[in-house]
C-alpha atoms as a PDB file:
ATOM      1  CA  MET A   1      48.725 -28.717 -14.049  1.00  0.00           C
ATOM      2  CA  LYS A   2      45.807 -28.973 -11.682  1.00  0.00           C
ATOM      3  CA  LYS A   3      46.196 -25.242 -10.800  1.00  0.00           C
ATOM      4  CA  LEU A   4      46.160 -24.324 -14.596  1.00  0.00           C
ATOM      5  CA  VAL A   5      43.025 -26.459 -15.154  1.00  0.00           C
ATOM      6  CA  GLY A   6      41.378 -24.813 -12.181  1.00  0.00           C
ATOM      7  CA  VAL A   7      42.217 -21.288 -13.536  1.00  0.00           C
ATOM      8  CA  MET A   8      40.851 -22.262 -17.048  1.00  0.00           C
ATOM      9  CA  VAL A   9      37.593 -23.511 -15.567  1.00  0.00           C
ATOM     10  CA  PHE A  10      37.225 -20.312 -13.520  1.00  0.00           C
ATOM     11  CA  VAL A  11      37.906 -18.077 -16.513  1.00  0.00           C
ATOM     12  CA  PHE A  12      35.510 -20.083 -18.667  1.00  0.00           C
ATOM     13  CA  ALA A  13      32.821 -19.818 -15.971  1.00  0.00           C
ATOM     14  CA  MET A  14      33.263 -16.195 -15.752  1.00  0.00           C
ATOM     15  CA  GLN A  15      32.913 -15.729 -19.591  1.00  0.00           C
ATOM     16  CA  ILE A  16      29.700 -17.769 -19.477  1.00  0.00           C
ATOM     17  CA  ASN A  17      28.388 -15.706 -16.605  1.00  0.00           C
ATOM     18  CA  ALA A  18      29.358 -12.523 -18.501  1.00  0.00           C
ATOM     19  CA  GLN A  19      27.542 -13.751 -21.577  1.00  0.00           C
ATOM     20  CA  ASP A  20      24.494 -14.723 -19.516  1.00  0.00           C
ATOM     21  CA  ASN A  21      24.362 -11.267 -17.899  1.00  0.00           C
ATOM     22  CA  SER A  22      24.758  -9.559 -21.318  1.00  0.00           C
ATOM     23  CA  THR A  23      21.907 -11.726 -22.757  1.00  0.00           C
ATOM     24  CA  LEU A  24      19.673 -10.894 -19.811  1.00  0.00           C
ATOM     25  CA  LEU A  25      20.425  -7.198 -19.994  1.00  0.00           C
ATOM     26  CA  LYS A  26      19.478  -7.153 -23.664  1.00  0.00           C
ATOM     27  CA  HIS A  27      16.351  -9.138 -22.868  1.00  0.00           C
ATOM     28  CA  TYR A  28      15.158  -6.713 -20.131  1.00  0.00           C
ATOM     29  CA  GLU A  29      16.141  -3.645 -22.103  1.00  0.00           C
ATOM     30  CA  ALA A  30      13.847  -4.858 -24.861  1.00  0.00           C
ATOM     31  CA  PHE A  31      11.211  -5.775 -22.339  1.00  0.00           C
ATOM     32  CA  TYR A  32      11.496  -2.364 -20.755  1.00  0.00           C
ATOM     33  CA  LYS A  33      10.891  -0.580 -24.140  1.00  0.00           C
ATOM     34  CA  GLN A  34       8.002  -2.854 -24.960  1.00  0.00           C
ATOM     35  CA  MET A  35       6.340  -2.120 -21.605  1.00  0.00           C
ATOM     36  CA  GLN A  36       6.766   1.551 -22.197  1.00  0.00           C
ATOM     37  CA  SER A  37       5.285   1.334 -25.612  1.00  0.00           C
ATOM     38  CA  GLN A  38       2.244  -0.489 -24.114  1.00  0.00           C
ATOM     39  CA  GLY A  39       1.879   2.002 -21.260  1.00  0.00           C
ATOM     40  CA  ASP A  40       2.142  -0.904 -18.793  1.00  0.00           C
ATOM     41  CA  VAL A  41       3.479   0.804 -15.633  1.00  0.00           C
ATOM     42  CA  GLN A  42       3.869  -2.274 -13.611  1.00  0.00           C
ATOM     43  CA  GLY A  43       5.658  -3.896 -16.533  1.00  0.00           C
ATOM     44  CA  VAL A  44       7.998  -0.989 -16.739  1.00  0.00           C
ATOM     45  CA  ILE A  45       8.738  -1.213 -13.002  1.00  0.00           C
ATOM     46  CA  ASN A  46       9.451  -4.890 -13.193  1.00  0.00           C
ATOM     47  CA  ALA A  47      11.750  -4.492 -16.210  1.00  0.00           C
ATOM     48  CA  LEU A  48      13.630  -1.592 -14.634  1.00  0.00           C
ATOM     49  CA  THR A  49      13.924  -3.584 -11.247  1.00  0.00           C
ATOM     50  CA  HIS A  50      15.633  -6.503 -13.145  1.00  0.00           C
ATOM     51  CA  LEU A  51      17.960  -4.034 -15.014  1.00  0.00           C
ATOM     52  CA  THR A  52      18.909  -2.452 -11.677  1.00  0.00           C
ATOM     53  CA  VAL A  53      19.816  -5.821 -10.208  1.00  0.00           C
ATOM     54  CA  LEU A  54      21.791  -6.818 -13.268  1.00  0.00           C
ATOM     55  CA  SER A  55      23.481  -3.437 -13.792  1.00  0.00           C
ATOM     56  CA  PRO A  56      22.996  -1.137 -10.848  1.00  0.00           C
ATOM     57  CA  SER A  57      23.076   2.569 -11.334  1.00  0.00           C
ATOM     58  CA  GLN A  58      21.853   5.644  -9.428  1.00  0.00           C
ATOM     59  CA  GLY A  59      20.089   6.825 -12.556  1.00  0.00           C
ATOM     60  CA  ARG A  60      18.032   3.630 -12.774  1.00  0.00           C
ATOM     61  CA  LEU A  61      17.166   3.750  -9.081  1.00  0.00           C
ATOM     62  CA  ASP A  62      16.049   7.328  -9.380  1.00  0.00           C
ATOM     63  CA  THR A  63      13.901   6.530 -12.337  1.00  0.00           C
ATOM     64  CA  LEU A  64      12.398   3.539 -10.509  1.00  0.00           C
ATOM     65  CA  ALA A  65      11.470   5.787  -7.584  1.00  0.00           C
ATOM     66  CA  VAL A  66       9.803   8.269  -9.951  1.00  0.00           C
ATOM     67  CA  LEU A  67       7.741   5.417 -11.415  1.00  0.00           C
ATOM     68  CA  TYR A  68       6.564   4.319  -8.026  1.00  0.00           C
ATOM     69  CA  MET A  69       5.774   7.909  -6.966  1.00  0.00           C
ATOM     70  CA  ASN A  70       3.786   8.561 -10.176  1.00  0.00           C
ATOM     71  CA  ASP A  71       1.938   5.375  -9.359  1.00  0.00           C
ATOM     72  CA  ASN A  72       1.058   6.488  -5.849  1.00  0.00           C
ATOM     73  CA  LYS A  73       3.368   3.960  -4.291  1.00  0.00           C
ATOM     74  CA  HIS A  74       5.191   6.441  -2.113  1.00  0.00           C
ATOM     75  CA  VAL A  75       6.541   3.956   0.452  1.00  0.00           C
ATOM     76  CA  GLN A  76       8.128   1.860  -2.301  1.00  0.00           C
ATOM     77  CA  ALA A  77       9.554   5.068  -3.831  1.00  0.00           C
ATOM     78  CA  LEU A  78      11.232   5.942  -0.641  1.00  0.00           C
ATOM     79  CA  ASN A  79      12.399   2.329   0.042  1.00  0.00           C
ATOM     80  CA  THR A  80      14.098   2.662  -3.369  1.00  0.00           C
ATOM     81  CA  ILE A  81      16.214   5.790  -2.754  1.00  0.00           C
ATOM     82  CA  GLY A  82      15.834   6.500   0.997  1.00  0.00           C
ATOM     83  CA  ILE A  83      14.482   9.473   2.947  1.00  0.00           C
ATOM     84  CA  GLU A  84      17.672  11.237   4.173  1.00  0.00           C
ATOM     85  CA  LYS A  85      18.949  14.445   2.713  1.00  0.00           C
ATOM     86  CA  VAL A  86      21.900  13.686   0.618  1.00  0.00           C
ATOM     87  CA  ALA A  87      24.005  16.417  -1.013  1.00  0.00           C
ATOM     88  CA  SER A  88      24.846  14.275  -3.998  1.00  0.00           C
ATOM     89  CA  ASP A  89      21.140  13.375  -4.821  1.00  0.00           C
ATOM     90  CA  SER A  90      19.891  14.307  -8.286  1.00  0.00           C
ATOM     91  CA  ASP A  91      17.173  16.850  -8.590  1.00  0.00           C
ATOM     92  CA  MET A  92      14.870  13.985  -9.496  1.00  0.00           C
ATOM     93  CA  ALA A  93      15.672  12.151  -6.244  1.00  0.00           C
ATOM     94  CA  VAL A  94      15.126  15.129  -4.118  1.00  0.00           C
ATOM     95  CA  GLU A  95      11.767  15.853  -5.718  1.00  0.00           C
ATOM     96  CA  VAL A  96      10.699  12.221  -5.230  1.00  0.00           C
ATOM     97  CA  LYS A  97      11.633  12.356  -1.457  1.00  0.00           C
ATOM     98  CA  ALA A  98       9.834  15.693  -1.027  1.00  0.00           C
ATOM     99  CA  ARG A  99       6.550  14.740  -2.763  1.00  0.00           C
ATOM    100  CA  SER A 100       6.497  11.229  -1.302  1.00  0.00           C
ATOM    101  CA  LEU A 101       7.125  12.426   2.257  1.00  0.00           C
ATOM    102  CA  GLN A 102       4.450  15.034   1.764  1.00  0.00           C
ATOM    103  CA  ALA A 103       1.972  12.371   0.419  1.00  0.00           C
ATOM    104  CA  LEU A 104       2.786  10.209   3.512  1.00  0.00           C
ATOM    105  CA  ASN A 105       1.916  13.085   5.915  1.00  0.00           C
ATOM    106  CA  GLN A 106       5.579  13.710   7.008  1.00  0.00           C
ATOM    107  CA  PRO A 107       5.583  17.552   6.685  1.00  0.00           C
ATOM    108  CA  GLU A 108       8.916  18.235   8.550  1.00  0.00           C
ATOM    109  CA  ARG A 109      10.803  15.699   6.482  1.00  0.00           C
ATOM    110  CA  ALA A 110       9.116  16.910   3.287  1.00  0.00           C
ATOM    111  CA  ILE A 111      10.060  20.536   3.988  1.00  0.00           C
ATOM    112  CA  GLU A 112      13.668  19.575   4.336  1.00  0.00           C
ATOM    113  CA  GLN A 113      13.690  18.101   0.838  1.00  0.00           C
ATOM    114  CA  TYR A 114      11.697  20.934  -0.636  1.00  0.00           C
ATOM    115  CA  GLU A 115      14.032  23.456   0.898  1.00  0.00           C
ATOM    116  CA  GLU A 116      16.890  21.696  -0.861  1.00  0.00           C
ATOM    117  CA  LEU A 117      14.991  21.608  -4.104  1.00  0.00           C
ATOM    118  CA  PHE A 118      14.155  25.300  -3.784  1.00  0.00           C
ATOM    119  CA  LYS A 119      17.847  26.070  -3.403  1.00  0.00           C
ATOM    120  CA  ARG A 120      18.602  24.410  -6.616  1.00  0.00           C
ATOM    121  CA  MET A 121      15.571  25.413  -8.587  1.00  0.00           C
ATOM    122  CA  PRO A 122      13.825  28.413  -6.927  1.00  0.00           C
ATOM    123  CA  GLY A 123      10.304  28.619  -8.461  1.00  0.00           C
ATOM    124  CA  VAL A 124       6.747  29.518  -7.367  1.00  0.00           C
ATOM    125  CA  MET A 125       5.452  25.861  -7.444  1.00  0.00           C
ATOM    126  CA  ILE A 126       8.064  24.722  -4.929  1.00  0.00           C
ATOM    127  CA  ALA A 127       7.518  27.885  -2.893  1.00  0.00           C
ATOM    128  CA  TYR A 128       3.801  27.099  -2.676  1.00  0.00           C
ATOM    129  CA  GLU A 129       4.469  23.582  -1.330  1.00  0.00           C
ATOM    130  CA  LEU A 130       6.857  25.034   1.294  1.00  0.00           C
ATOM    131  CA  ALA A 131       4.343  27.679   2.181  1.00  0.00           C
ATOM    132  CA  ASP A 132       1.531  25.162   2.513  1.00  0.00           C
ATOM    133  CA  LEU A 133       3.644  22.738   4.543  1.00  0.00           C
ATOM    134  CA  LYS A 134       4.918  25.419   6.911  1.00  0.00           C
ATOM    135  CA  THR A 135       1.450  26.703   7.393  1.00  0.00           C
ATOM    136  CA  GLN A 136       0.438  23.177   8.472  1.00  0.00           C
ATOM    137  CA  ILE A 137       3.189  23.041  11.140  1.00  0.00           C
ATOM    138  CA  ASN A 138       2.423  26.564  12.238  1.00  0.00           C
ATOM    139  CA  ASP A 139       5.715  27.984  10.997  1.00  0.00           C
ATOM    140  CA  ASP A 140       3.851  31.057   9.809  1.00  0.00           C
ATOM    141  CA  THR A 141       6.911  33.232   9.620  1.00  0.00           C
ATOM    142  CA  GLY A 142       8.549  30.858   7.262  1.00  0.00           C
ATOM    143  CA  ALA A 143       5.394  30.396   5.258  1.00  0.00           C
ATOM    144  CA  THR A 144       4.968  34.125   4.840  1.00  0.00           C
ATOM    145  CA  LEU A 145       8.471  34.453   3.275  1.00  0.00           C
ATOM    146  CA  HIS A 146       7.490  31.831   0.647  1.00  0.00           C
ATOM    147  CA  ILE A 147       4.098  33.520   0.146  1.00  0.00           C
ATOM    148  CA  THR A 148       5.751  36.871  -0.448  1.00  0.00           C
ATOM    149  CA  PHE A 149       8.137  35.308  -2.989  1.00  0.00           C
ATOM    150  CA  GLY A 150       5.255  33.505  -4.584  1.00  0.00           C
ATOM    151  CA  ILE A 151       3.075  36.479  -5.108  1.00  0.00           C
ATOM    152  CA  ALA A 152       5.941  38.581  -6.447  1.00  0.00           C
ATOM    153  CA  ASN A 153       6.856  35.969  -8.944  1.00  0.00           C
ATOM    154  CA  SER A 154       3.444  34.505 -10.052  1.00  0.00           C
ATOM    155  CA  LYS A 155       2.445  34.345 -13.641  1.00  0.00           C
ATOM    156  CA  ASP A 156      -1.076  33.978 -14.938  1.00  0.00           C
ATOM    157  CA  GLU A 157      -0.244  30.804 -16.858  1.00  0.00           C
ATOM    158  CA  ILE A 158       1.132  28.938 -13.791  1.00  0.00           C
ATOM    159  CA  MET A 159      -1.834  27.022 -12.306  1.00  0.00           C
ATOM    160  CA  ARG A 160      -2.210  24.980  -9.014  1.00  0.00           C
ATOM    161  CA  THR A 161      -4.623  22.004  -8.940  1.00  0.00           C
ATOM    162  CA  PHE A 162      -6.919  21.493  -5.937  1.00  0.00           C
ATOM    163  CA  TYR A 163      -8.724  18.286  -5.121  1.00  0.00           C
ATOM    164  CA  GLU A 164     -11.049  19.012  -2.206  1.00  0.00           C
ATOM    165  CA  SER A 165     -14.146  19.011  -4.446  1.00  0.00           C
ATOM    166  CA  GLN A 166     -15.503  16.024  -6.321  1.00  0.00           C
ATOM    167  CA  THR A 167     -13.994  17.374  -9.536  1.00  0.00           C
ATOM    168  CA  PRO A 168     -10.410  18.688  -9.396  1.00  0.00           C
ATOM    169  CA  TYR A 169      -9.972  22.252 -10.691  1.00  0.00           C
ATOM    170  CA  GLN A 170      -7.124  24.663 -11.309  1.00  0.00           C
ATOM    171  CA  VAL A 171      -6.514  28.251 -10.213  1.00  0.00           C
ATOM    172  CA  PRO A 172      -3.698  30.705 -10.992  1.00  0.00           C
ATOM    173  CA  ILE A 173      -0.936  30.166  -8.511  1.00  0.00           C
ATOM    174  CA  LYS A 174      -1.224  33.724  -7.285  1.00  0.00           C
ATOM    175  CA  ALA A 175      -4.751  32.946  -5.970  1.00  0.00           C
ATOM    176  CA  ALA A 176      -3.367  29.928  -4.138  1.00  0.00           C
ATOM    177  CA  PHE A 177      -0.641  32.082  -2.402  1.00  0.00           C
ATOM    178  CA  LEU A 178      -3.378  34.598  -1.506  1.00  0.00           C
ATOM    179  CA  TYR A 179      -5.534  31.934   0.026  1.00  0.00           C
ATOM    180  CA  LEU A 180      -2.672  30.928   2.313  1.00  0.00           C
ATOM    181  CA  LYS A 181      -1.970  34.538   3.198  1.00  0.00           C
ATOM    182  CA  GLY A 182      -5.578  34.824   4.242  1.00  0.00           C
ATOM    183  CA  LEU A 183      -5.349  31.782   6.487  1.00  0.00           C
ATOM    184  CA  ILE A 184      -2.213  33.097   8.216  1.00  0.00           C
ATOM    185  CA  LYS A 185      -3.881  36.519   8.706  1.00  0.00           C
ATOM    186  CA  PHE A 186      -6.649  34.785  10.387  1.00  0.00           C
ATOM    187  CA  LYS A 187      -4.307  32.653  12.526  1.00  0.00           C
ATOM    188  CA  GLU A 188      -2.513  35.744  13.779  1.00  0.00           C
ATOM    189  CA  ASN A 189      -5.647  36.708  15.747  1.00  0.00           C
ATOM    190  CA  ASN A 190      -8.740  34.637  15.136  1.00  0.00           C
ATOM    191  CA  GLU A 191     -11.033  37.129  16.835  1.00  0.00           C
ATOM    192  CA  LEU A 192      -9.791  40.408  15.498  1.00  0.00           C
ATOM    193  CA  ASN A 193      -8.538  39.521  12.030  1.00  0.00           C
ATOM    194  CA  ILE A 194     -11.568  37.980  10.382  1.00  0.00           C
ATOM    195  CA  ASP A 195     -12.442  40.965   8.245  1.00  0.00           C
ATOM    196  CA  ALA A 196      -8.796  41.283   7.137  1.00  0.00           C
ATOM    197  CA  ALA A 197      -8.619  37.631   6.320  1.00  0.00           C
ATOM    198  CA  VAL A 198     -11.857  37.822   4.364  1.00  0.00           C
ATOM    199  CA  THR A 199     -10.543  40.764   2.408  1.00  0.00           C
ATOM    200  CA  ILE A 200      -7.487  38.707   1.348  1.00  0.00           C
ATOM    201  CA  LEU A 201      -9.693  35.783   0.404  1.00  0.00           C
ATOM    202  CA  ASP A 202     -11.775  38.115  -1.697  1.00  0.00           C
ATOM    203  CA  GLU A 203      -8.530  39.097  -3.625  1.00  0.00           C
ATOM    204  CA  ALA A 204      -7.998  35.394  -4.229  1.00  0.00           C
ATOM    205  CA  LEU A 205     -11.555  35.053  -5.621  1.00  0.00           C
ATOM    206  CA  GLN A 206     -11.041  37.970  -7.849  1.00  0.00           C
ATOM    207  CA  VAL A 207      -8.048  36.241  -9.389  1.00  0.00           C
ATOM    208  CA  ALA A 208      -9.920  32.855  -9.521  1.00  0.00           C
ATOM    209  CA  PRO A 209     -13.696  33.045  -9.094  1.00  0.00           C
ATOM    210  CA  ASN A 210     -13.882  29.255  -9.349  1.00  0.00           C
ATOM    211  CA  PHE A 211     -11.711  28.929  -6.279  1.00  0.00           C
ATOM    212  CA  ASN A 212     -13.958  26.708  -4.205  1.00  0.00           C
ATOM    213  CA  LEU A 213     -11.614  26.242  -1.216  1.00  0.00           C
ATOM    214  CA  ALA A 214     -11.205  30.028  -0.853  1.00  0.00           C
ATOM    215  CA  GLN A 215     -14.950  30.505  -1.018  1.00  0.00           C
ATOM    216  CA  LEU A 216     -15.630  27.819   1.602  1.00  0.00           C
ATOM    217  CA  SER A 217     -13.082  29.373   3.864  1.00  0.00           C
ATOM    218  CA  LYS A 218     -14.643  32.794   3.395  1.00  0.00           C
ATOM    219  CA  GLU A 219     -18.072  31.508   4.239  1.00  0.00           C
ATOM    220  CA  ALA A 220     -16.719  29.746   7.342  1.00  0.00           C
ATOM    221  CA  LEU A 221     -15.063  33.047   8.509  1.00  0.00           C
ATOM    222  CA  LEU A 222     -18.196  35.078   7.973  1.00  0.00           C
ATOM    223  CA  ALA A 223     -20.280  32.436   9.702  1.00  0.00           C
ATOM    224  CA  ARG A 224     -17.989  32.604  12.721  1.00  0.00           C
ATOM    225  CA  LYS A 225     -18.011  36.432  12.735  1.00  0.00           C
ATOM    226  CA  ASN A 226     -21.901  36.399  12.638  1.00  0.00           C
ATOM    227  CA  ALA A 227     -22.472  33.584  15.109  1.00  0.00           C
ATOM    228  CA  PRO A 228     -24.456  34.716  18.142  1.00  0.00           C
ATOM    229  CA  GLU A 229     -22.314  35.198  21.243  1.00  0.00           C
ATOM    230  CA  LYS A 230     -22.631  32.584  23.944  1.00  0.00           C
ATOM    231  CA  LYS A 231     -24.227  33.722  27.173  1.00  0.00           C
ATOM    232  CA  ASP A 232     -22.600  32.861  30.447  1.00  0.00           C
END
């Protein structure tokens, strides 16, 4: 009899707990929608965190990581889904890892994720990030492969945003690839290739006359070329 009473109490407690979880899920689902309608990013993150605790799913974790990334909380984004390369990751998760690692100045790890993303969705925007990152770590051969792909597949309507000036601006992605191509040409031989690099930068400026970064780089190269030689 005591065993039967114990089982009944356990079952009743489980039913109450299930009802409580169901009520909480409905509450936070409604809260989530309300925060979305208000454009309250932190509220959406809080609601989704509660939903993930109550009813865990990889989809919710991925969405939570995207919200953190879009709010420039890259450490939190990576803490949510990890930094390792996982074959079963969604495209969304791979992109979050790539962009967050890039933002945190982890180029080698970011490249690993971008390479995976490029395998799944080869495109010029991903190719540019790979070319840029590989240029930074002096993998000029790898960068050149992505630059060649990018120039061949660029379209006028595809734009890349740059932030080095006070006001962000956009240029056609082809101009961005040409800019990287010019940098690599200069790096090949920084004494003999100045004119060749400037010629490539001029190509970029023909595509995008507003390309401030290319103009600054061109001016720096010309200043280097015209600098008076140091006497021993």
